Amino acid sequence: MQKVSKVTGKSACPKCRESGNDRSGDNLVSYDDGHKYCYACNYTVFKQDAFEQPKIIKTKRGFEMSGVSGAIRDRRISESIVRKFGVTLEKNADGSIDKHHYPYHDKDTGEAVGTKVRTVATKNFHATGTLENTGLFGQQIWREGGKFVTVVEGELDALAVAEMFDGKWPVVSIKTGSAGALKDIKANLEWLETFENVVICFDMDDAGKQAVDSILPLFSHNKAKVVSLPLKDAGEMLQASRVQEFVSSWWDAKPYRPVGVVSFGDEECWDAFIKRGTEEIIPLPDAYGSLNVMMNGGLATGEVTVIGALTSIGKTTMVFNLLYDMVLQSNKKIGAVLLESDLGETIEKIVSLHSGENISIVPSETRDNSLYRDFYDDFKSKSNVHILKHLGFSDVDALFSKMRWMAVGDDCDVILLDPLHAAVRSNENGQIDEFMDRCLKLAKETGVSIVIVSHMRKPNVKDPHDVNEYDMKGSGSINQIAFNTILLSRDKMSEDQYTRNSTKVQLVKCRRTGRTGHAGWLYYEEGTGRMVAGVEPKVKAVEDEEF
């Protein structure tokens, strides 16, 4: 008795890959006797002497179409459907089916010129004759045009769909499975486009879904519709006697839309409406009370907020106060990406705020580090601040990798990035646009709220508070991408001490509420390093005079 070779593995077929096929990398079947064979293109590696390099040649089998018509009972497919598609069956001596022969017809002559032969026991295929210039499996049966045509991945699935529709609706199969779907559909697109509706019913596995995504853009507007099944494919639906479910799924096939496009009435739209306004809100510190009111409670998760100010106005001081108060007042986890503050300065600012003493103005020889250590340890117990030890970051990809880790690995609620222009070394609009876009995507993907500090252009020498969102240094995308834009301004050269330490806060953009305008004043306490709620310097001057 001749020994039957056993399958030992599968790998990518180099010949198929040359043609852009075999995306799944499993067309080339290896056998235990050393030879390999591709059932899609007949590429063959023959076993050679152990001391020789294997000789690789491509063989072509002559056209084979043997066997008889009959029902494929294990697949619940009737003889009438088998006969309709011209399929023939080879049988063993005991009457069991050994092979299926699926004919492929030349598109010009209509003549059967090739077959795909399926060996039932192994589920392997080989091709005979030629499949060049042939249509899709079953294409020759149907007149072009009509209301519907269904496209499936395999010949047995085509027979199954025809069976479930009593052979009334056109159904065809691509020739080389999901890996060759794009090539097969392109070659027969003109014929498919003659139908009003092209119903795609590929396998529900990853390969099938990827194949669907690749072919849908080929069809004209609103032509292609995609079936979603509870089982792997149409064949399994028929075998499980779930015909009615298949028919319902077929009629419920959804029209193709590009990724990101939905229609009013989709459940996704209603779900988005219900979710609207329920985002977690992260309150700003109490000193920013007016901002909290104007922004419906503060910063929302998944938003990008930009704080803009001129040089030396107090942006970084505001950032440290935000960090400290969000931890103390809201118990939020903060990722600190402070690109102009080294680690020592960052710790000094936090300990200063916690101790109530501005350590930066305390002479080093009079500092009580043992006392500061107590405050350091007390704040450390909250474990809510994660600091990027940047050492001069110049690689934007590496920076985003660290920020992503803060959002996902450290579960940070807020990432504070100060300043934008230390992260993007160029003022070129394209680079800033790309950076802001990546920030937006990171915020939306992870739900983290990102606060970005941005420099502004030269001040108005006559009025230090004459600033607007269009003064951002660099690209207009800084304000365009931001959900919220907050501007700070200060008359830092005023002779009046209260005026010199007072910062005007303006909300010039809030996408969530639409509210804009003056949002109050902050006063910087030099002795503590704190920014507290203040009043307009003119009002303060009047109050002092009255007092």
Protein backbone atom coordinates (compact mmCIF):
# COMPACT_ATOMS: atom_id res chain seq x y z
CA MET A 1 0.00 0.00 0.00
CA GLN A 2 1.30 3.44 -0.90
CA LYS A 3 2.15 5.55 2.09
CA VAL A 4 -0.06 8.66 2.48
CA SER A 5 1.91 11.81 3.32
CA LYS A 6 0.84 13.67 6.43
CA VAL A 7 0.63 17.43 6.79
CA THR A 8 3.29 18.77 9.17
CA GLY A 9 2.77 22.50 8.82
CA LYS A 10 1.93 25.50 6.68
CA SER A 11 3.94 28.54 5.60
CA ALA A 12 3.86 31.45 3.16
CA CYS A 13 3.96 30.60 -0.54
CA PRO A 14 6.67 32.70 -2.22
CA LYS A 15 4.94 32.51 -5.60
CA CYS A 16 1.61 33.71 -4.20
CA ARG A 17 3.39 36.50 -2.34
CA GLU A 18 4.92 37.69 -5.62
CA SER A 19 1.38 38.28 -6.85
CA GLY A 20 0.30 40.04 -3.67
CA ASN A 21 -1.62 37.03 -2.36
CA ASP A 22 -1.30 34.70 0.65
CA ARG A 23 -1.61 37.49 3.19
CA SER A 24 -2.33 34.93 5.90
CA GLY A 25 0.99 33.24 5.15
CA ASP A 26 -0.33 29.66 5.13
CA ASN A 27 -0.80 28.65 1.48
CA LEU A 28 2.30 26.42 1.27
CA VAL A 29 1.57 23.04 2.92
CA SER A 30 4.50 20.95 4.23
CA TYR A 31 4.37 17.13 4.37
CA ASP A 32 6.29 14.58 6.42
CA ASP A 33 8.08 13.17 3.36
CA GLY A 34 9.78 16.53 2.80
CA HIS A 35 7.80 17.97 -0.10
CA LYS A 36 5.71 21.15 -0.04
CA TYR A 37 2.76 22.15 -2.20
CA CYS A 38 0.63 25.30 -2.69
CA TYR A 39 -2.98 24.44 -3.52
CA ALA A 40 -3.65 28.00 -4.68
CA CYS A 41 -1.01 28.29 -7.44
CA ASN A 42 0.51 24.76 -7.71
CA TYR A 43 3.94 25.94 -6.52
CA THR A 44 5.85 22.80 -5.46
CA VAL A 45 8.99 21.96 -3.53
CA PHE A 46 10.00 18.34 -4.22
CA LYS A 47 11.91 16.14 -1.79
CA GLN A 48 15.53 15.69 -2.89
CA ASP A 49 18.54 13.77 -1.66
CA ALA A 50 19.41 14.82 1.88
CA PHE A 51 22.76 16.19 0.74
CA GLU A 52 21.33 18.32 -2.07
CA GLN A 53 19.58 21.66 -1.93
CA PRO A 54 15.86 21.22 -2.60
CA LYS A 55 14.85 21.99 -6.17
CA ILE A 56 11.83 24.26 -6.40
CA ILE A 57 9.67 24.11 -9.51
CA LYS A 58 6.16 25.13 -10.46
CA THR A 59 3.93 22.45 -11.90
CA LYS A 60 0.71 22.81 -13.80
CA ARG A 61 -1.86 20.04 -13.77
CA GLY A 62 -4.07 19.44 -16.74
CA PHE A 63 -7.76 20.22 -16.53
CA GLU A 64 -9.57 17.63 -14.42
CA MET A 65 -13.33 17.40 -14.10
CA SER A 66 -14.37 13.91 -13.02
CA GLY A 67 -17.07 12.47 -10.84
CA VAL A 68 -20.83 12.73 -10.78
CA SER A 69 -23.47 15.06 -9.45
CA GLY A 70 -25.07 14.38 -6.10
CA ALA A 71 -26.00 15.81 -2.74
CA ILE A 72 -23.32 16.80 -0.23
CA ARG A 73 -25.21 15.48 2.74
CA ASP A 74 -22.71 16.31 5.50
CA ARG A 75 -23.06 19.93 4.38
CA ARG A 76 -26.86 19.79 3.93
CA ILE A 77 -26.49 20.77 0.27
CA SER A 78 -28.98 19.21 -2.16
CA GLU A 79 -28.17 17.63 -5.51
CA SER A 80 -30.14 20.34 -7.32
CA ILE A 81 -27.79 23.05 -6.00
CA VAL A 82 -24.70 20.95 -6.73
CA ARG A 83 -25.95 20.40 -10.27
CA LYS A 84 -26.81 24.11 -10.70
CA PHE A 85 -23.19 25.10 -10.01
CA GLY A 86 -21.77 22.27 -12.15
CA VAL A 87 -19.91 20.74 -9.21
CA THR A 88 -18.95 17.06 -9.47
CA LEU A 89 -18.15 14.59 -6.73
CA GLU A 90 -15.65 11.73 -6.72
CA LYS A 91 -16.61 8.85 -4.46
CA ASN A 92 -14.74 6.07 -2.70
CA ALA A 93 -15.63 2.38 -3.07
CA ASP A 94 -17.88 2.62 -0.03
CA GLY A 95 -19.86 5.45 -1.60
CA SER A 96 -18.44 8.21 0.60
CA ILE A 97 -17.36 11.40 -1.11
CA ASP A 98 -13.60 11.66 -1.64
CA LYS A 99 -13.28 14.89 -3.65
CA HIS A 100 -15.25 17.92 -4.80
CA HIS A 101 -14.52 19.47 -8.22
CA TYR A 102 -15.47 23.18 -8.42
CA PRO A 103 -15.45 24.43 -12.04
CA TYR A 104 -14.20 27.84 -13.13
CA HIS A 105 -15.26 29.26 -16.49
CA ASP A 106 -13.43 31.52 -18.91
CA LYS A 107 -15.08 34.96 -18.87
CA ASP A 108 -14.86 35.33 -22.65
CA THR A 109 -15.89 31.89 -23.90
CA GLY A 110 -17.95 30.61 -20.96
CA GLU A 111 -16.04 27.31 -21.19
CA ALA A 112 -14.93 25.45 -18.04
CA VAL A 113 -11.13 25.72 -18.18
CA GLY A 114 -10.06 25.07 -14.61
CA THR A 115 -11.11 23.52 -11.35
CA LYS A 116 -10.33 23.70 -7.71
CA VAL A 117 -10.36 20.20 -6.26
CA ARG A 118 -11.09 19.74 -2.58
CA THR A 119 -9.99 16.54 -0.86
CA VAL A 120 -12.64 15.93 1.80
CA ALA A 121 -10.51 13.97 4.26
CA THR A 122 -7.72 16.56 4.48
CA LYS A 123 -9.70 19.68 3.48
CA ASN A 124 -6.79 20.51 1.14
CA PHE A 125 -7.15 21.99 -2.33
CA HIS A 126 -5.30 21.74 -5.60
CA ALA A 127 -6.00 23.49 -8.89
CA THR A 128 -6.20 21.97 -12.37
CA GLY A 129 -6.23 23.56 -15.78
CA THR A 130 -6.07 27.33 -15.48
CA LEU A 131 -7.85 29.88 -13.33
CA GLU A 132 -6.57 32.78 -15.40
CA ASN A 133 -9.28 34.96 -16.98
CA THR A 134 -11.93 33.01 -15.11
CA GLY A 135 -14.76 34.66 -13.26
CA LEU A 136 -15.79 34.16 -9.68
CA PHE A 137 -17.06 30.72 -8.74
CA GLY A 138 -20.65 30.47 -9.97
CA GLN A 139 -20.50 33.70 -11.98
CA GLN A 140 -21.38 31.97 -15.25
CA ILE A 141 -24.76 30.86 -13.84
CA TRP A 142 -26.23 34.29 -13.34
CA ARG A 143 -27.20 37.05 -15.70
CA GLU A 144 -25.46 40.29 -14.98
CA GLY A 145 -27.62 42.92 -13.39
CA GLY A 146 -30.45 42.39 -10.97
CA LYS A 147 -31.26 43.45 -7.45
CA PHE A 148 -28.85 41.37 -5.34
CA VAL A 149 -25.68 39.32 -5.59
CA THR A 150 -24.00 37.73 -2.58
CA VAL A 151 -20.23 37.29 -2.43
CA VAL A 152 -18.70 34.70 -0.08
CA GLU A 153 -15.19 33.43 0.66
CA GLY A 154 -15.40 29.80 -0.48
CA GLU A 155 -17.16 27.48 -2.88
CA LEU A 156 -18.95 25.51 -0.15
CA ASP A 157 -20.22 28.76 1.34
CA ALA A 158 -21.59 29.73 -2.08
CA LEU A 159 -23.44 26.40 -2.31
CA ALA A 160 -24.73 26.89 1.26
CA VAL A 161 -26.12 30.36 0.54
CA ALA A 162 -27.75 29.10 -2.67
CA GLU A 163 -29.29 26.24 -0.69
CA MET A 164 -30.71 28.59 1.94
CA PHE A 165 -32.23 30.78 -0.80
CA ASP A 166 -33.50 27.81 -2.85
CA GLY A 167 -31.15 28.77 -5.68
CA LYS A 168 -33.13 31.93 -6.47
CA TRP A 169 -30.64 34.69 -5.63
CA PRO A 170 -27.25 35.06 -7.34
CA VAL A 171 -24.31 34.03 -5.16
CA VAL A 172 -20.63 33.76 -6.09
CA SER A 173 -17.39 32.97 -4.32
CA ILE A 174 -13.96 34.54 -4.65
CA LYS A 175 -11.32 32.19 -6.04
CA THR A 176 -8.47 32.24 -3.54
CA GLY A 177 -10.01 32.92 -0.15
CA SER A 178 -9.59 36.01 1.99
CA ALA A 179 -5.93 36.45 0.99
CA GLY A 180 -6.88 36.97 -2.66
CA ALA A 181 -10.12 38.86 -2.11
CA LEU A 182 -8.85 42.24 -3.26
CA LYS A 183 -7.38 40.84 -6.49
CA ASP A 184 -10.47 38.72 -7.27
CA ILE A 185 -12.95 41.54 -6.65
CA LYS A 186 -10.94 44.01 -8.72
CA ALA A 187 -10.84 41.55 -11.63
CA ASN A 188 -14.62 41.11 -11.54
CA LEU A 189 -15.74 44.51 -10.26
CA GLU A 190 -17.40 45.52 -13.54
CA TRP A 191 -19.71 42.48 -13.38
CA LEU A 192 -20.50 42.98 -9.69
CA GLU A 193 -21.29 46.65 -10.22
CA THR A 194 -24.15 45.74 -12.57
CA PHE A 195 -26.17 44.63 -9.51
CA GLU A 196 -28.07 47.10 -7.37
CA ASN A 197 -26.76 45.56 -4.15
CA VAL A 198 -23.58 43.56 -3.50
CA VAL A 199 -23.95 41.67 -0.22
CA ILE A 200 -20.59 40.69 1.29
CA CYS A 201 -20.79 37.59 3.48
CA PHE A 202 -17.19 36.70 4.36
CA ASP A 203 -16.03 34.63 7.32
CA MET A 204 -16.36 36.20 10.76
CA ASP A 205 -12.69 35.64 11.63
CA ASP A 206 -9.96 38.29 11.58
CA ALA A 207 -8.79 37.35 8.08
CA GLY A 208 -12.33 37.65 6.74
CA LYS A 209 -12.89 41.02 8.40
CA GLN A 210 -9.62 42.36 7.05
CA ALA A 211 -10.55 41.16 3.56
CA VAL A 212 -13.93 42.93 3.83
CA ASP A 213 -12.21 46.17 4.84
CA SER A 214 -9.89 45.90 1.84
CA ILE A 215 -12.61 45.46 -0.79
CA LEU A 216 -15.43 47.72 0.41
CA PRO A 217 -13.90 50.98 -0.88
CA LEU A 218 -13.89 49.49 -4.40
CA PHE A 219 -17.67 49.67 -4.76
CA SER A 220 -19.73 52.65 -5.76
CA HIS A 221 -21.64 54.61 -3.15
CA ASN A 222 -24.18 52.62 -1.11
CA LYS A 223 -23.73 49.52 -3.26
CA ALA A 224 -21.92 47.16 -0.87
CA LYS A 225 -23.55 45.79 2.28
CA VAL A 226 -21.91 43.60 4.92
CA VAL A 227 -23.51 40.60 6.65
CA SER A 228 -22.69 39.88 10.29
CA LEU A 229 -23.28 36.26 11.34
CA PRO A 230 -23.46 34.60 14.78
CA LEU A 231 -21.36 31.68 13.47
CA LYS A 232 -18.16 31.63 11.43
CA ASP A 233 -19.65 31.45 7.92
CA ALA A 234 -22.70 30.61 5.82
CA GLY A 235 -21.73 26.93 5.67
CA GLU A 236 -21.82 26.62 9.44
CA MET A 237 -25.19 28.40 9.57
CA LEU A 238 -26.67 25.83 7.17
CA GLN A 239 -25.08 22.87 8.97
CA ALA A 240 -26.53 24.13 12.26
CA SER A 241 -30.00 24.44 10.65
CA ARG A 242 -30.04 28.18 11.45
CA VAL A 243 -31.40 29.13 8.06
CA GLN A 244 -33.92 31.66 9.31
CA GLU A 245 -31.22 33.42 11.33
CA PHE A 246 -29.02 33.56 8.25
CA VAL A 247 -31.80 35.02 6.13
CA SER A 248 -32.51 37.66 8.82
CA SER A 249 -28.82 38.53 9.06
CA TRP A 250 -28.63 38.77 5.27
CA TRP A 251 -31.55 41.20 5.10
CA ASP A 252 -30.04 43.19 7.98
CA ALA A 253 -26.73 43.64 6.12
CA LYS A 254 -25.37 47.12 6.81
CA PRO A 255 -24.39 49.48 3.98
CA TYR A 256 -20.70 50.24 3.83
CA ARG A 257 -19.53 53.50 5.28
CA PRO A 258 -15.93 54.62 5.66
CA VAL A 259 -14.52 54.16 9.16
CA GLY A 260 -15.64 57.06 11.34
CA VAL A 261 -18.87 57.83 9.46
CA VAL A 262 -22.20 57.01 11.16
CA SER A 263 -25.81 57.81 10.35
CA PHE A 264 -28.31 59.60 12.54
CA GLY A 265 -30.49 56.88 14.00
CA ASP A 266 -27.64 54.45 14.67
CA GLU A 267 -27.55 53.29 18.28
CA GLU A 268 -24.01 54.60 18.46
CA CYS A 269 -25.40 58.10 17.97
CA TRP A 270 -27.90 57.76 20.80
CA ASP A 271 -25.29 56.22 23.10
CA ALA A 272 -23.00 59.19 22.40
CA PHE A 273 -25.85 61.56 23.28
CA ILE A 274 -26.53 59.77 26.56
CA LYS A 275 -22.83 59.86 27.42
CA ARG A 276 -22.59 63.55 26.61
CA GLY A 277 -22.16 65.56 29.79
CA THR A 278 -21.41 62.50 31.93
CA GLU A 279 -17.64 62.71 31.45
CA GLU A 280 -15.66 62.80 34.66
CA ILE A 281 -14.90 66.41 35.54
CA ILE A 282 -11.66 67.33 37.26
CA PRO A 283 -12.20 70.54 39.27
CA LEU A 284 -9.69 73.32 39.01
CA PRO A 285 -8.36 74.65 42.35
CA ASP A 286 -10.68 76.79 44.46
CA ALA A 287 -8.78 79.92 43.43
CA TYR A 288 -10.07 79.39 39.89
CA GLY A 289 -13.70 79.46 40.91
CA SER A 290 -14.89 81.50 37.94
CA LEU A 291 -13.22 79.09 35.52
CA ASN A 292 -14.96 76.14 37.18
CA VAL A 293 -18.33 77.85 36.74
CA MET A 294 -17.66 78.75 33.10
CA MET A 295 -16.37 75.23 32.31
CA ASN A 296 -19.18 73.35 34.09
CA GLY A 297 -16.99 72.17 36.93
CA GLY A 298 -13.49 72.14 35.47
CA LEU A 299 -11.54 69.96 33.02
CA ALA A 300 -13.17 66.92 31.44
CA THR A 301 -11.41 63.64 30.82
CA GLY A 302 -10.22 63.16 27.26
CA GLU A 303 -9.83 66.90 26.65
CA VAL A 304 -6.80 68.97 25.67
CA THR A 305 -6.51 72.30 27.49
CA VAL A 306 -4.02 75.01 26.49
CA ILE A 307 -2.75 77.65 28.89
CA GLY A 308 -1.16 80.53 27.01
CA ALA A 309 0.92 83.38 28.41
CA LEU A 310 3.86 85.60 27.64
CA THR A 311 7.31 84.89 29.01
CA SER A 312 7.77 85.30 32.80
CA ILE A 313 4.07 85.85 33.43
CA GLY A 314 3.67 82.90 35.81
CA LYS A 315 2.62 79.95 33.63
CA THR A 316 4.88 77.49 35.39
CA THR A 317 3.85 78.76 38.83
CA MET A 318 0.25 78.20 37.82
CA VAL A 319 1.11 74.67 36.64
CA PHE A 320 2.69 73.76 40.00
CA ASN A 321 -0.33 75.16 41.82
CA LEU A 322 -2.64 73.15 39.56
CA LEU A 323 -0.64 70.00 40.23
CA TYR A 324 -0.64 70.50 43.98
CA ASP A 325 -4.29 71.46 44.36
CA MET A 326 -5.58 68.70 42.05
CA VAL A 327 -3.83 66.17 44.28
CA LEU A 328 -4.92 67.75 47.58
CA GLN A 329 -8.42 68.87 46.67
CA SER A 330 -9.48 66.22 44.13
CA ASN A 331 -7.18 63.26 44.86
CA LYS A 332 -6.22 63.05 41.17
CA LYS A 333 -3.17 61.31 39.78
CA ILE A 334 -0.95 63.73 37.89
CA GLY A 335 1.70 63.09 35.25
CA ALA A 336 4.17 65.97 35.35
CA VAL A 337 6.05 66.61 32.08
CA LEU A 338 7.85 69.80 33.08
CA LEU A 339 10.46 70.25 30.40
CA GLU A 340 12.00 73.46 31.78
CA SER A 341 12.19 72.30 35.38
CA ASP A 342 14.74 69.75 36.50
CA LEU A 343 13.84 67.17 39.11
CA GLY A 344 15.29 69.17 42.01
CA GLU A 345 13.29 72.28 41.11
CA THR A 346 10.12 70.25 40.69
CA ILE A 347 10.44 68.72 44.15
CA GLU A 348 11.32 72.12 45.66
CA LYS A 349 8.15 73.68 44.23
CA ILE A 350 5.90 70.89 45.48
CA VAL A 351 7.46 70.83 48.97
CA SER A 352 7.18 74.63 49.10
CA LEU A 353 3.47 74.49 48.40
CA HIS A 354 2.95 71.72 50.93
CA SER A 355 4.95 73.45 53.65
CA GLY A 356 3.57 76.92 52.95
CA GLU A 357 7.06 78.36 52.61
CA ASN A 358 8.61 79.45 49.32
CA ILE A 359 11.88 77.57 49.67
CA SER A 360 13.39 79.20 46.58
CA ILE A 361 13.79 82.51 48.45
CA VAL A 362 15.15 80.91 51.64
CA PRO A 363 18.98 81.10 51.80
CA SER A 364 20.46 77.62 51.58
CA GLU A 365 22.37 78.01 54.86
CA THR A 366 19.17 78.71 56.81
CA ARG A 367 17.05 75.90 55.37
CA ASP A 368 15.81 73.22 57.71
CA ASN A 369 15.89 70.16 55.47
CA SER A 370 14.73 67.87 58.27
CA LEU A 371 11.52 69.86 58.43
CA TYR A 372 11.18 69.87 54.67
CA ARG A 373 11.69 66.10 54.72
CA ASP A 374 8.62 65.75 56.91
CA PHE A 375 6.56 67.65 54.37
CA TYR A 376 8.12 65.64 51.55
CA ASP A 377 7.21 62.34 53.23
CA ASP A 378 3.69 63.53 54.01
CA PHE A 379 3.03 64.44 50.38
CA LYS A 380 4.75 61.26 49.19
CA SER A 381 2.19 59.17 51.08
CA LYS A 382 -0.42 60.23 48.55
CA SER A 383 1.59 58.59 45.69
CA ASN A 384 -0.34 60.66 43.17
CA VAL A 385 2.39 62.43 41.21
CA HIS A 386 4.53 60.83 38.50
CA ILE A 387 7.35 63.00 37.17
CA LEU A 388 9.14 62.71 33.85
CA LYS A 389 12.87 62.96 34.49
CA HIS A 390 13.39 64.36 31.03
CA LEU A 391 17.12 65.27 30.87
CA GLY A 392 16.45 67.37 27.77
CA PHE A 393 13.97 65.40 25.64
CA SER A 394 14.51 65.78 21.91
CA ASP A 395 12.73 62.67 20.62
CA VAL A 396 9.00 63.31 20.23
CA ASP A 397 8.21 59.60 19.81
CA ALA A 398 10.00 58.80 23.06
CA LEU A 399 8.13 61.63 24.80
CA PHE A 400 4.76 60.29 23.69
CA SER A 401 5.79 56.81 24.80
CA LYS A 402 6.41 58.19 28.31
CA MET A 403 3.16 60.16 28.27
CA ARG A 404 1.23 57.08 27.17
CA TRP A 405 2.77 55.11 30.03
CA MET A 406 1.69 57.82 32.47
CA ALA A 407 -1.88 57.63 31.13
CA VAL A 408 -2.16 53.85 30.92
CA GLY A 409 0.55 52.37 33.16
CA ASP A 410 0.38 54.92 36.00
CA ASP A 411 -3.38 55.60 35.57
CA CYS A 412 -2.85 59.36 35.57
CA ASP A 413 -5.99 61.48 35.35
CA VAL A 414 -4.14 64.58 34.13
CA ILE A 415 -0.88 65.13 32.25
CA LEU A 416 0.66 68.58 32.64
CA LEU A 417 3.03 69.46 29.78
CA ASP A 418 5.09 72.63 30.26
CA PRO A 419 5.94 74.11 27.82
CA LEU A 420 4.86 73.02 24.36
CA HIS A 421 7.83 74.68 22.70
CA ALA A 422 10.34 72.64 24.68
CA ALA A 423 8.66 69.47 23.37
CA VAL A 424 8.55 70.71 19.77
CA ARG A 425 11.92 72.27 19.06
CA SER A 426 10.73 73.96 15.88
CA ASN A 427 8.20 76.72 15.32
CA GLU A 428 7.37 75.15 11.98
CA ASN A 429 3.60 74.84 11.71
CA GLY A 430 3.67 71.26 10.43
CA GLN A 431 5.58 69.92 13.42
CA ILE A 432 3.37 71.74 15.93
CA ASP A 433 0.23 70.57 14.07
CA GLU A 434 1.40 66.97 14.26
CA PHE A 435 2.27 67.25 17.96
CA MET A 436 -1.10 68.75 18.88
CA ASP A 437 -2.90 66.11 16.82
CA ARG A 438 -1.02 63.35 18.67
CA CYS A 439 -1.96 64.92 22.00
CA LEU A 440 -5.62 64.93 20.98
CA LYS A 441 -5.48 61.28 19.93
CA LEU A 442 -3.75 60.29 23.16
CA ALA A 443 -6.38 62.11 25.22
CA LYS A 444 -9.27 60.52 23.32
CA GLU A 445 -7.74 57.04 23.30
CA THR A 446 -6.84 56.89 27.00
CA GLY A 447 -9.31 59.36 28.58
CA VAL A 448 -6.51 61.37 30.18
CA SER A 449 -6.92 65.15 30.39
CA ILE A 450 -3.88 66.91 28.93
CA VAL A 451 -2.97 70.47 29.94
CA ILE A 452 -0.41 72.11 27.65
CA VAL A 453 1.39 75.36 28.45
CA SER A 454 2.16 77.48 25.39
CA HIS A 455 4.33 80.57 24.90
CA MET A 456 2.87 83.63 23.24
CA ARG A 457 4.36 86.23 20.93
CA LYS A 458 5.73 89.65 21.87
CA PRO A 459 3.52 91.66 24.24
CA ASN A 460 1.74 94.92 23.63
CA VAL A 461 4.06 97.38 25.35
CA LYS A 462 1.18 99.71 26.23
CA ASP A 463 -1.27 97.13 27.59
CA PRO A 464 0.14 93.88 29.08
CA HIS A 465 -3.38 92.41 29.19
CA ASP A 466 -3.96 92.87 25.45
CA VAL A 467 -3.63 89.18 24.53
CA ASN A 468 -5.75 86.76 22.53
CA GLU A 469 -5.67 83.18 21.30
CA TYR A 470 -4.16 84.23 17.98
CA ASP A 471 -1.01 85.31 19.80
CA MET A 472 0.04 81.70 20.45
CA LYS A 473 3.61 81.20 19.30
CA GLY A 474 3.63 78.89 16.28
CA SER A 475 0.72 77.16 14.57
CA GLY A 476 -2.95 78.08 14.75
CA SER A 477 -3.62 74.41 15.53
CA ILE A 478 -2.65 75.07 19.17
CA ASN A 479 -5.95 76.83 19.74
CA GLN A 480 -7.90 74.93 17.08
CA ILE A 481 -7.24 71.50 18.58
CA ALA A 482 -7.65 72.64 22.19
CA PHE A 483 -10.99 72.01 23.85
CA ASN A 484 -10.26 74.81 26.32
CA THR A 485 -7.92 77.78 25.95
CA ILE A 486 -7.00 79.82 29.02
CA LEU A 487 -4.91 82.98 28.75
CA LEU A 488 -2.85 84.52 31.55
CA SER A 489 -1.53 88.08 31.59
CA ARG A 490 0.30 90.20 34.18
CA ASP A 491 1.74 93.69 34.43
CA LYS A 492 5.05 92.40 35.73
CA MET A 493 6.78 95.82 35.57
CA SER A 494 4.17 97.71 37.59
CA GLU A 495 5.49 99.79 40.48
CA ASP A 496 2.54 98.62 42.58
CA GLN A 497 3.34 95.39 44.39
CA TYR A 498 -0.23 94.01 44.28
CA THR A 499 -0.58 94.81 40.57
CA ARG A 500 2.82 93.27 39.82
CA ASN A 501 1.77 89.96 41.42
CA SER A 502 -1.76 89.84 40.01
CA THR A 503 -2.57 87.62 37.03
CA LYS A 504 -5.61 88.16 34.87
CA VAL A 505 -7.35 84.95 33.74
CA GLN A 506 -9.40 84.78 30.55
CA LEU A 507 -11.29 81.83 29.09
CA VAL A 508 -11.22 82.39 25.33
CA LYS A 509 -12.45 78.94 24.31
CA CYS A 510 -14.49 76.18 25.94
CA ARG A 511 -15.87 73.74 23.42
CA ARG A 512 -18.02 71.94 25.99
CA THR A 513 -19.96 74.97 27.26
CA GLY A 514 -19.28 77.72 24.70
CA ARG A 515 -18.69 80.19 27.53
CA THR A 516 -15.88 82.70 27.19
CA GLY A 517 -14.75 85.90 28.86
CA HIS A 518 -12.99 87.30 31.90
CA ALA A 519 -12.56 84.57 34.53
CA GLY A 520 -11.12 86.47 37.49
CA TRP A 521 -7.75 87.28 39.00
CA LEU A 522 -5.07 85.26 40.74
CA TYR A 523 -2.70 86.73 43.29
CA TYR A 524 0.78 85.31 43.81
CA GLU A 525 1.88 85.10 47.44
CA GLU A 526 5.64 85.42 47.24
CA GLY A 527 6.23 84.04 50.74
CA THR A 528 4.29 80.81 50.17
CA GLY A 529 4.55 80.36 46.40
CA ARG A 530 0.78 79.99 46.30
CA MET A 531 -1.59 81.50 43.76
CA VAL A 532 -4.82 82.45 45.50
CA ALA A 533 -8.02 84.14 44.40
CA GLY A 534 -7.44 87.85 43.93
CA VAL A 535 -9.28 90.93 42.77
CA GLU A 536 -8.65 93.40 39.98
CA PRO A 537 -5.77 95.68 41.03
CA LYS A 538 -7.90 98.81 40.46
CA VAL A 539 -10.53 97.48 42.84
CA LYS A 540 -7.85 96.54 45.36
CA ALA A 541 -6.42 100.05 45.20
CA VAL A 542 -9.83 101.56 45.94
CA GLU A 543 -10.34 99.13 48.83
CA ASP A 544 -6.95 100.05 50.29
CA GLU A 545 -7.71 103.77 50.02
CA GLU A 546 -11.08 103.34 51.75
CA PHE A 547 -9.46 101.27 54.45
